[in-house]
Each structure stands twice: as structure tokens, then as C-alpha cells.
Protein backbone atom coordinates (compact mmCIF):
# COMPACT_ATOMS: atom_id res chain seq x y z
CA MET A 1 0.00 0.00 0.00
CA ARG A 2 2.76 2.39 0.91
CA ILE A 3 4.54 1.73 -2.39
CA ARG A 4 1.30 2.24 -4.36
CA ALA A 5 0.63 5.52 -2.52
CA LEU A 6 4.15 6.75 -3.20
CA LEU A 7 3.81 5.91 -6.90
CA MET A 8 0.49 7.78 -7.09
CA ILE A 9 1.97 10.89 -5.40
CA THR A 10 4.95 10.80 -7.76
CA ALA A 11 2.69 10.55 -10.80
CA LEU A 12 0.52 13.46 -9.66
CA THR A 13 3.59 15.61 -8.96
CA ALA A 14 5.07 14.86 -12.36
CA GLY A 15 1.76 15.64 -14.04
CA ALA A 16 1.59 18.99 -12.28
CA LEU A 17 5.10 19.85 -13.38
CA LEU A 18 4.30 19.03 -16.98
CA VAL A 19 1.31 21.39 -17.13
CA PRO A 20 2.52 24.35 -19.26
CA ALA A 21 2.38 27.84 -17.73
CA PRO A 22 0.19 30.39 -19.48
CA ALA A 23 2.21 31.78 -22.40
CA GLN A 24 2.77 35.52 -22.62
CA ALA A 25 2.65 37.03 -26.09
CA ALA A 26 5.99 38.43 -27.21
CA ALA A 27 6.18 42.04 -28.36
CA ARG A 28 5.67 42.32 -32.11
CA VAL A 29 5.73 45.27 -34.55
CA SER A 30 4.16 45.61 -37.99
CA VAL A 31 5.08 48.25 -40.60
CA THR A 32 2.99 49.47 -43.55
CA ASN A 33 3.29 52.40 -45.93
CA ALA A 34 0.43 54.46 -47.36
CA GLN A 35 -0.21 51.78 -50.00
CA GLY A 36 -0.45 49.03 -47.38
CA SER A 37 2.88 47.30 -48.07
CA ALA A 38 5.89 46.95 -45.79
CA THR A 39 8.33 48.65 -48.17
CA VAL A 40 10.16 51.96 -48.10
CA ASP A 41 11.28 54.13 -51.02
CA PRO A 42 15.11 54.17 -51.09
CA SER A 43 15.34 57.50 -52.93
CA GLY A 44 12.93 59.64 -50.91
CA ALA A 45 11.16 60.08 -47.63
CA THR A 46 8.34 57.66 -46.82
CA THR A 47 5.68 57.95 -44.16
CA ILE A 48 4.97 54.59 -42.50
CA ARG A 49 2.50 53.42 -39.89
CA VAL A 50 4.06 51.38 -37.11
CA SER A 51 1.85 49.23 -34.88
CA GLY A 52 2.82 47.15 -31.87
CA SER A 53 1.24 44.36 -29.83
CA GLY A 54 2.31 42.29 -26.83
CA PHE A 55 4.17 45.21 -25.26
CA GLN A 56 4.33 45.70 -21.53
CA SER A 57 2.05 48.55 -20.48
CA ILE A 58 2.76 49.98 -17.04
CA LYS A 59 0.01 52.26 -15.80
CA GLY A 60 1.57 55.40 -14.36
CA GLY A 61 5.06 54.12 -15.17
CA HIS A 62 7.87 56.52 -16.01
CA GLY A 63 8.58 56.78 -19.74
CA GLY A 64 7.38 54.23 -22.28
CA ILE A 65 9.13 53.30 -25.54
CA TYR A 66 11.11 55.08 -28.23
CA VAL A 67 10.40 54.13 -31.83
CA PHE A 68 13.46 54.58 -34.08
CA PHE A 69 14.44 53.72 -37.63
CA GLY A 70 17.96 52.38 -38.03
CA THR A 71 20.16 49.31 -37.99
CA VAL A 72 21.41 46.86 -35.36
CA LYS A 73 24.21 44.33 -35.03
CA GLY A 74 25.04 41.58 -32.58
CA THR A 75 23.57 41.82 -29.11
CA TRP A 76 22.20 45.29 -29.62
CA GLN A 77 19.50 45.42 -26.91
CA PRO A 78 20.23 48.06 -24.20
CA SER A 79 19.04 45.63 -21.51
CA LYS A 80 21.86 43.29 -22.61
CA GLY A 81 24.54 45.96 -22.76
CA GLY A 82 23.98 47.26 -26.27
CA GLN A 83 25.23 50.79 -26.86
CA VAL A 84 23.98 53.42 -29.28
CA GLY A 85 26.55 54.24 -31.94
CA ASN A 86 28.21 50.88 -31.40
CA ASN A 87 25.58 48.11 -31.46
CA TYR A 88 22.70 50.12 -32.89
CA SER A 89 22.28 53.35 -34.82
CA TYR A 90 19.22 55.33 -35.82
CA VAL A 91 18.12 58.43 -37.71
CA PRO A 92 18.79 61.44 -35.44
CA ASP A 93 15.97 63.80 -34.59
CA SER A 94 14.98 66.33 -31.98
CA GLU A 95 13.44 65.08 -28.73
CA SER A 96 10.80 67.79 -28.93
CA LYS A 97 7.16 66.82 -29.40
CA ASN A 98 6.96 68.49 -32.81
CA ASN A 99 10.10 66.99 -34.30
CA GLN A 100 10.71 65.93 -37.90
CA GLY A 101 8.94 62.60 -37.50
CA TYR A 102 12.05 60.40 -37.60
CA GLN A 103 11.58 59.39 -33.95
CA ARG A 104 8.49 58.75 -31.86
CA PHE A 105 7.89 58.53 -28.14
CA VAL A 106 4.99 56.27 -27.06
CA ALA A 107 4.21 56.78 -23.38
CA PHE A 108 2.86 54.50 -20.69
CA PRO A 109 -0.74 55.37 -19.78
CA GLY A 110 -0.80 58.03 -17.06
CA SER A 111 2.98 58.48 -17.20
CA ASP A 112 4.53 61.63 -15.75
CA THR A 113 6.11 62.16 -19.18
CA ALA A 114 2.94 61.58 -21.22
CA ASP A 115 2.76 65.26 -22.18
CA ALA A 116 5.93 64.85 -24.23
CA ALA A 117 4.63 61.84 -26.17
CA ASN A 118 4.24 62.31 -29.93
CA GLY A 119 3.33 58.71 -30.71
CA GLY A 120 0.35 58.12 -28.43
CA THR A 121 0.26 55.68 -25.50
CA ILE A 122 0.64 51.95 -24.95
CA LYS A 123 -2.83 50.67 -24.19
CA ALA A 124 -3.56 48.34 -21.28
CA ASP A 125 -3.64 45.37 -23.67
CA GLY A 126 -0.10 46.15 -24.89
CA THR A 127 -1.04 47.61 -28.27
CA TRP A 128 -0.10 50.97 -29.79
CA SER A 129 0.13 52.63 -33.19
CA THR A 130 1.87 55.69 -34.58
CA GLU A 131 3.27 57.23 -37.76
CA MET A 132 6.88 58.11 -38.49
CA THR A 133 9.05 59.16 -41.42
CA VAL A 134 11.89 57.21 -43.03
CA PRO A 135 14.28 59.56 -44.92
CA GLY A 136 15.33 56.93 -47.46
CA ALA A 137 18.04 54.32 -47.80
CA LEU A 138 20.79 56.71 -46.66
CA PHE A 139 21.05 58.64 -43.43
CA LYS A 140 23.80 60.21 -41.34
CA THR A 141 24.35 59.62 -37.65
CA VAL A 142 27.24 59.55 -35.16
CA ASP A 143 29.20 56.59 -33.83
CA ARG A 144 30.25 55.93 -30.24
CA ALA A 145 33.29 58.21 -30.64
CA GLY A 146 31.15 61.09 -31.92
CA ARG A 147 32.30 60.76 -35.53
CA SER A 148 29.80 61.33 -38.33
CA VAL A 149 28.97 58.15 -40.26
CA THR A 150 26.64 57.38 -43.18
CA ILE A 151 24.36 54.35 -42.96
CA ASP A 152 23.45 52.75 -46.31
CA CYS A 153 20.39 50.55 -45.88
CA THR A 154 21.07 48.91 -49.23
CA LYS A 155 24.20 47.38 -47.71
CA VAL A 156 23.02 46.70 -44.14
CA THR A 157 19.67 45.59 -42.75
CA CYS A 158 17.58 48.51 -41.54
CA GLY A 159 14.22 48.57 -39.84
CA VAL A 160 12.10 49.85 -36.98
CA MET A 161 13.43 49.36 -33.45
CA THR A 162 11.78 49.93 -30.09
CA ILE A 163 13.56 50.41 -26.78
CA GLY A 164 12.69 51.70 -23.31
CA ALA A 165 12.33 55.48 -23.18
CA HIS A 166 14.02 58.03 -20.91
CA GLY A 167 16.86 55.69 -20.00
CA VAL A 168 14.61 52.95 -18.57
CA LYS A 169 15.79 49.59 -19.96
CA ASN A 170 12.97 47.13 -20.58
CA ALA A 171 13.83 43.84 -22.28
CA ARG A 172 10.15 43.01 -22.94
CA ASN A 173 9.74 46.14 -25.07
CA GLU A 174 12.91 45.80 -27.17
CA THR A 175 12.20 44.79 -30.76
CA PHE A 176 13.70 45.15 -34.22
CA THR A 177 11.55 44.75 -37.35
CA PRO A 178 13.41 44.79 -40.69
CA VAL A 179 11.91 46.60 -43.68
CA SER A 180 12.66 46.26 -47.37
CA PHE A 181 13.36 49.05 -49.83
CA LYS A 182 11.56 49.36 -53.14
CA ALA A 183 11.32 52.33 -55.47
CA ALA A 184 7.90 53.95 -55.84
CA ALA A 185 5.89 52.83 -58.87
CA THR A 186 6.08 55.00 -62.01
CA GLY A 187 3.50 57.72 -62.01
CA GLN A 188 2.77 57.27 -58.32
CA ALA A 189 3.56 60.06 -55.90
CA PRO A 190 6.04 59.21 -53.13
CA ALA A 191 4.40 58.02 -49.93
CA ALA A 192 5.82 60.93 -47.97
CA GLN A 193 4.00 63.60 -49.99
CA PRO A 194 1.09 65.20 -48.13
CA SER A 195 -1.36 64.21 -50.88
CA THR A 196 -0.76 60.49 -50.36
CA ALA A 197 0.47 60.20 -46.79
CA ALA A 198 -1.95 58.61 -44.34
CA PRO A 199 -3.29 61.27 -41.93
CA ALA A 200 -2.24 61.21 -38.29
CA THR A 201 -4.93 59.81 -35.99
CA GLY A 202 -4.25 61.36 -32.63
CA SER A 203 -0.65 60.26 -32.60
CA GLY A 204 0.81 63.72 -32.85
CA ALA A 205 2.83 62.69 -35.91
CA VAL A 206 3.93 65.38 -38.32
CA ALA A 207 5.43 65.03 -41.79
CA ALA A 208 9.09 65.96 -42.00
CA PRO A 209 9.80 69.07 -44.09
CA SER A 210 12.46 67.08 -45.93
CA ALA A 211 9.66 64.93 -47.33
CA GLN A 212 8.71 67.76 -49.70
CA ALA A 213 12.27 68.30 -50.91
CA PRO A 214 13.48 66.80 -54.21
CA ALA A 215 14.29 63.12 -53.85
CA PRO A 216 18.03 62.58 -53.37
CA SER A 217 20.00 60.03 -55.32
CA PRO A 218 20.04 56.60 -53.62
CA THR A 219 23.81 56.47 -54.14
CA ALA A 220 24.66 59.83 -52.61
CA PRO A 221 23.99 61.48 -49.23
CA VAL A 222 20.97 63.71 -48.87
CA THR A 223 21.90 67.21 -50.04
CA LYS A 224 21.18 70.20 -47.87
CA ALA A 225 19.40 73.35 -48.93
CA ALA A 226 22.58 75.37 -48.36
CA ASP A 227 26.24 74.85 -47.56
CA PRO A 228 27.07 74.97 -43.84
CA ALA A 229 27.90 78.51 -42.77
CA ALA A 230 28.43 80.52 -39.59
CA ALA A 231 28.05 84.24 -38.95
CA VAL A 232 28.25 86.63 -36.00
CA ASP A 233 26.62 89.98 -35.28
CA PRO A 234 29.56 92.43 -35.32
CA GLY A 235 27.64 94.85 -33.11
CA THR A 236 27.78 92.30 -30.27
CA ALA A 237 31.45 91.31 -30.80
CA VAL A 238 32.69 93.51 -27.95
CA VAL A 239 34.72 92.47 -24.90
CA GLY A 240 32.45 91.87 -21.92
CA ARG A 241 29.25 91.57 -23.94
CA VAL A 242 27.10 88.65 -25.19
CA LEU A 243 27.97 87.53 -28.73
CA SER A 244 25.04 86.82 -31.06
CA PHE A 245 25.56 84.29 -33.87
CA THR A 246 23.67 82.29 -36.51
CA GLY A 247 24.31 79.17 -38.59
CA ALA A 248 22.82 77.48 -41.65
CA GLY A 249 23.13 74.32 -43.74
CA PHE A 250 22.65 71.75 -40.98
CA SER A 251 20.33 68.74 -41.02
CA PRO A 252 16.85 69.61 -39.72
CA GLY A 253 16.57 68.84 -36.03
CA GLU A 254 20.21 67.91 -35.47
CA GLN A 255 22.16 69.03 -32.41
CA VAL A 256 24.73 71.81 -32.95
CA VAL A 257 27.44 73.10 -30.58
CA ALA A 258 29.11 76.53 -30.86
CA THR A 259 32.73 76.90 -29.66
CA LEU A 260 34.81 80.07 -29.28
CA ASP A 261 38.49 79.71 -30.19
CA ASP A 262 39.91 76.43 -28.83
CA GLY A 263 37.19 75.86 -26.25
CA ARG A 264 37.59 79.18 -24.42
CA ALA A 265 33.78 79.27 -24.27
CA ALA A 266 30.97 77.17 -25.74
CA VAL A 267 27.19 76.89 -25.84
CA GLY A 268 24.84 74.09 -26.86
CA PRO A 269 23.56 71.79 -27.95
CA LEU A 270 21.25 73.91 -30.10
CA SER A 271 18.57 72.21 -32.20
CA ALA A 272 18.56 73.09 -35.92
CA GLY A 273 15.26 74.33 -37.34
CA PRO A 274 13.23 72.92 -40.23
CA SER A 275 15.53 74.60 -42.77
CA GLY A 276 18.73 73.59 -40.98
CA GLU A 277 19.18 76.98 -39.33
CA ILE A 278 20.30 77.83 -35.80
CA ALA A 279 20.64 81.01 -33.74
CA GLY A 280 22.21 81.52 -30.35
CA VAL A 281 24.14 83.74 -27.98
CA LEU A 282 27.45 83.19 -26.19
CA GLN A 283 28.78 85.16 -23.23
CA LEU A 284 32.30 86.34 -24.02
CA PRO A 285 34.33 85.22 -20.98
CA ALA A 286 36.26 87.56 -18.72
CA GLY A 287 39.78 88.16 -19.96
CA THR A 288 38.86 87.93 -23.65
CA ALA A 289 41.35 90.13 -25.50
CA ALA A 290 40.43 92.45 -28.33
CA GLY A 291 41.50 91.10 -31.73
CA THR A 292 40.65 88.30 -34.18
CA HIS A 293 38.86 85.23 -32.83
CA VAL A 294 37.22 82.10 -34.27
CA LEU A 295 33.67 80.79 -33.78
CA ARG A 296 33.16 77.16 -34.86
CA LEU A 297 29.79 75.36 -35.20
CA THR A 298 29.71 71.54 -35.07
CA GLY A 299 26.73 69.45 -36.20
CA ALA A 300 26.35 66.14 -34.36
CA ALA A 301 24.52 64.33 -37.17
CA SER A 302 25.82 65.95 -40.35
CA GLY A 303 29.38 66.41 -39.13
CA ALA A 304 29.41 69.93 -40.58
CA THR A 305 31.95 72.29 -38.95
CA PRO A 306 31.55 75.78 -40.43
CA LYS A 307 33.60 78.52 -38.80
CA VAL A 308 33.99 82.28 -39.03
CA ASN A 309 36.95 84.52 -38.16
CA PHE A 310 35.81 87.82 -36.69
CA PRO A 311 37.22 90.75 -34.71
CA ILE A 312 36.30 91.42 -31.10
CA ALA A 313 36.54 95.09 -30.18
CA ALA A 314 37.56 96.52 -26.81
CA ASP A 315 34.77 97.79 -24.59
CA PRO A 316 34.55 101.59 -25.22
CA ALA A 317 33.19 102.26 -21.73
CA ALA A 318 36.04 100.35 -20.10
CA ALA A 319 38.57 102.19 -22.26
CA ALA A 320 37.06 105.55 -21.27
CA ASP A 321 37.18 104.64 -17.59
CA ALA A 322 40.79 103.56 -17.94
CA SER A 323 41.63 106.87 -19.64
CA ASP A 324 39.98 108.86 -16.84
CA ASP A 325 41.84 106.87 -14.24
CA ASP A 326 45.18 107.38 -15.99
CA GLY A 327 44.82 111.23 -16.06
CA PRO A 328 45.16 111.94 -12.32
CA ALA A 329 47.58 109.05 -11.90
CA ALA A 330 49.98 110.62 -14.40
CA TRP A 331 50.20 113.85 -12.36
CA LEU A 332 50.72 112.16 -9.01
CA PRO A 333 54.55 111.93 -9.25
CA TRP A 334 54.80 115.60 -10.16
CA ALA A 335 52.50 116.55 -7.29
CA PHE A 336 54.67 114.65 -4.81
CA LEU A 337 57.81 116.29 -6.25
CA ALA A 338 56.29 119.77 -5.87
CA LEU A 339 55.33 119.09 -2.26
CA ALA A 340 58.81 117.82 -1.52
CA VAL A 341 60.39 120.97 -3.01
CA ILE A 342 58.07 123.19 -1.02
CA ALA A 343 58.86 121.29 2.18
CA LEU A 344 62.57 121.59 1.46
CA LEU A 345 62.31 125.37 0.88
CA ILE A 346 60.40 125.79 4.11
CA ALA A 347 63.01 123.78 6.02
CA VAL A 348 65.89 125.77 4.49
CA THR A 349 64.18 129.06 5.20
CA PHE A 350 63.49 128.08 8.79
CA ALA A 351 67.08 126.94 9.32
CA THR A 352 68.44 130.18 7.82
CA MET A 353 66.27 132.34 10.03
CA ARG A 354 67.37 130.38 13.09
CA VAL A 355 71.06 130.77 12.26
CA ARG A 356 70.63 134.50 11.80
CA ALA A 357 68.80 134.79 15.14
CA ILE A 358 71.66 132.98 16.95
CA ARG A 359 74.24 135.24 15.32
CA ARG A 360 72.36 138.37 16.41
CA THR A 361 72.13 137.11 19.97
CA ARG A 362 75.89 136.46 20.17
CA ARG A 363 76.73 139.84 18.63
CA SER A 364 74.58 141.64 21.17
CA SER A 365 76.36 139.83 24.03
CA VAL A 366 79.81 140.84 22.74
CA ASP A 367 78.86 144.47 22.36
CA ALA A 368 77.48 144.71 25.92
CA ALA A 369 80.54 143.21 27.71
CA PRO A 370 83.12 146.27 27.59
CA THR A 371 80.56 148.76 28.78
CA ALA A 372 79.93 146.80 31.88
CA GLY A 373 83.73 146.63 32.64
CA ALA A 374 84.24 150.39 32.32
CA ALA A 375 81.52 151.16 34.71
CA HIS A 376 83.07 148.87 37.28
CA ALA A 377 86.46 150.62 37.05
CA VAL A 378 85.04 154.04 37.90
């Protein structure tokens, strides 16, 4: 009986262990263009709709997911040690809500950062949907060392990636979905044009201005509207004042840093506008000498480094004050010399008068001595 009971308990335990646990759906992403296919035009910008399911939705959680377009290699996931610029790269864009559409932020429901979301929210069932823009088969980004590199999606696998937002690593929400590139059909407008792009449905998506620009060649980098350039306002190039400067020819939305001379002062990063323009101010540091100086602008994504040589003038007010201060100071030595001469004359005069008084006293004593003797003799 004991053996039979032990066998029955063993069988029941084994059966319980073999019962599979409820499976949890893995995060999945689907990509479609305005025509309903999962292809992207290699020679021009394409607006795509990206939808996800099986994602972890944390009510009131901090952050959510970032949706990027780029390429990955090896163990790229941030939760496994993957690093941007080394294991994965993506199209750069501003983190502002109204960016160029190359990046999207999908927030957790009720998140403290939900106001910054431009891709909607992850619903309680783990689904979400948003629109984003793919610039084409070529895009520029920066590697781990900060160097500008060009990614050619005809030579490497590119696609849509999702990772945890705001620095929160979440393995359950890390995905990479490859896309294929195919030229738009003849006579059919590119998917990124406003007339054919699918309208945003509460996602906050906006079409990138570059989508309306002429389609670049698939074998050459995207051309800018203007060559990179830097300029300063000469009226503000004065020692002790705030220098005003502008720049042009950068990639829309990229981060730009302005540096004076060899790092004497700097400001940034500044976000380039829709036409690749920037404007900023830089406080000229104390001790800046009048003369020729250099202002250099550096684009993080494009790698552009325009610079301008310009003169910095001395502060007129400071020069005037220095001139006023030097006037009295120049006469001080002469004033001291005059006082010394006057003091010396007074001393000499006093000494002379004293000597004369002593001589008079002695002479009077000598003259009075014989008279006194004669009177005594009588």
C-alpha cells in the first residue's frame, strides 16, 4: 500500500510539473506604408504606420518606448549591454514633441512624461500605433566616438526598433523589425508627400519638411538646402558683452554646438530648425582680448563644422574709464615732487632764520661786555 501511494503521489507531482504555464505574447511590430505594403522608397522620404502588440504597459510608469528607424548588429538590446553608436544606430531627430517625425515617443498610460509623447500611448492590452518618417536608404548619424557616419540601408539591414524610453531599460519592449526598400511605382507620388500620406490619428505625428524636398539620389547622401555657414553679429562682438551668432546648412533637427576659439567658451547643444538653421548667444568670458577670434559650429549628425573669423573690439566704456583713471595718476609723481620741493624750501628758510637769530644774539652779548667793565672801574 505504501509503495502504491508513493507511486500515485509521484505521478501526480510529475503531471503537475508538466502542465505548461500560461504563455505571454511576445512584443511584435508591424510596418505598412500608405499603400499598405511593408516597403520603403530608397530615394525619398516615406511615411509609414508602425503598430505594436504584446508590449508591456505599465500604468503610471515613467517613460514608455522610443520608436526609431535604423540598424542593429550583434547583441544590440540596451538591456543586454547594447550601446547606441556601437551596437545600434538610428536616424537622429529632436526630442521635442513636434520633431521631424524620424523618432516617436509612445508613453505608458498616465505616465509623468505623457505630455511629451508624440506617438500616443501603450494601451492596457499592450497595443499601440503611430506614424513616423523614413528619410530613405541613406542617413547620417554619429558613432560611439562622436564621428559622423553614413548608414546605407542597401548594404546593411535597416528597420524599426523599439527600446525603453528616458533611460529605462525594458527587455520586454525591445524589438527590431526589418523593412525592405523598393522604389515607388512610375507615375505614383512618393508616400511621404502630403497628398498620399496617411493622416495622423491622434498620434501627434507630423510630416518631416524634408519629405517635400526633391528626392536625393540613392547612391549619394541627402543634399542640404545650403552649404554649412556661420556668422556673428559684429555689433555684439565687444569684450564683456554677449555675442550673437547664426548658422545654416545643418540637417533639420540635429544638435549643434558653438565653440569660441579652442574651447575658451561654448554653448549648446542647439537644435537646428526645419531649414537647418540655428541662432544663439554666447557670453564672451572675462579676460577675452580684443583682436581676431574664431567661432566654430559643429553638427552632431551631419558632421558639418563651419567657422567664421571675426574681430572682437575693446569695450569703449572700459577704455574711457581707464583713460579717466590714468589722467590723475599721471600727475601724481609731479605733485609729490612739488610738495617735496616746497617742504625743502620751508626747512631751508626756517634753518636760515634760526642761524641768523643765533648770530644776532651772540653779537649783542659781545657788544654789551666792555661797557659793563668800564663802569666797574670808575
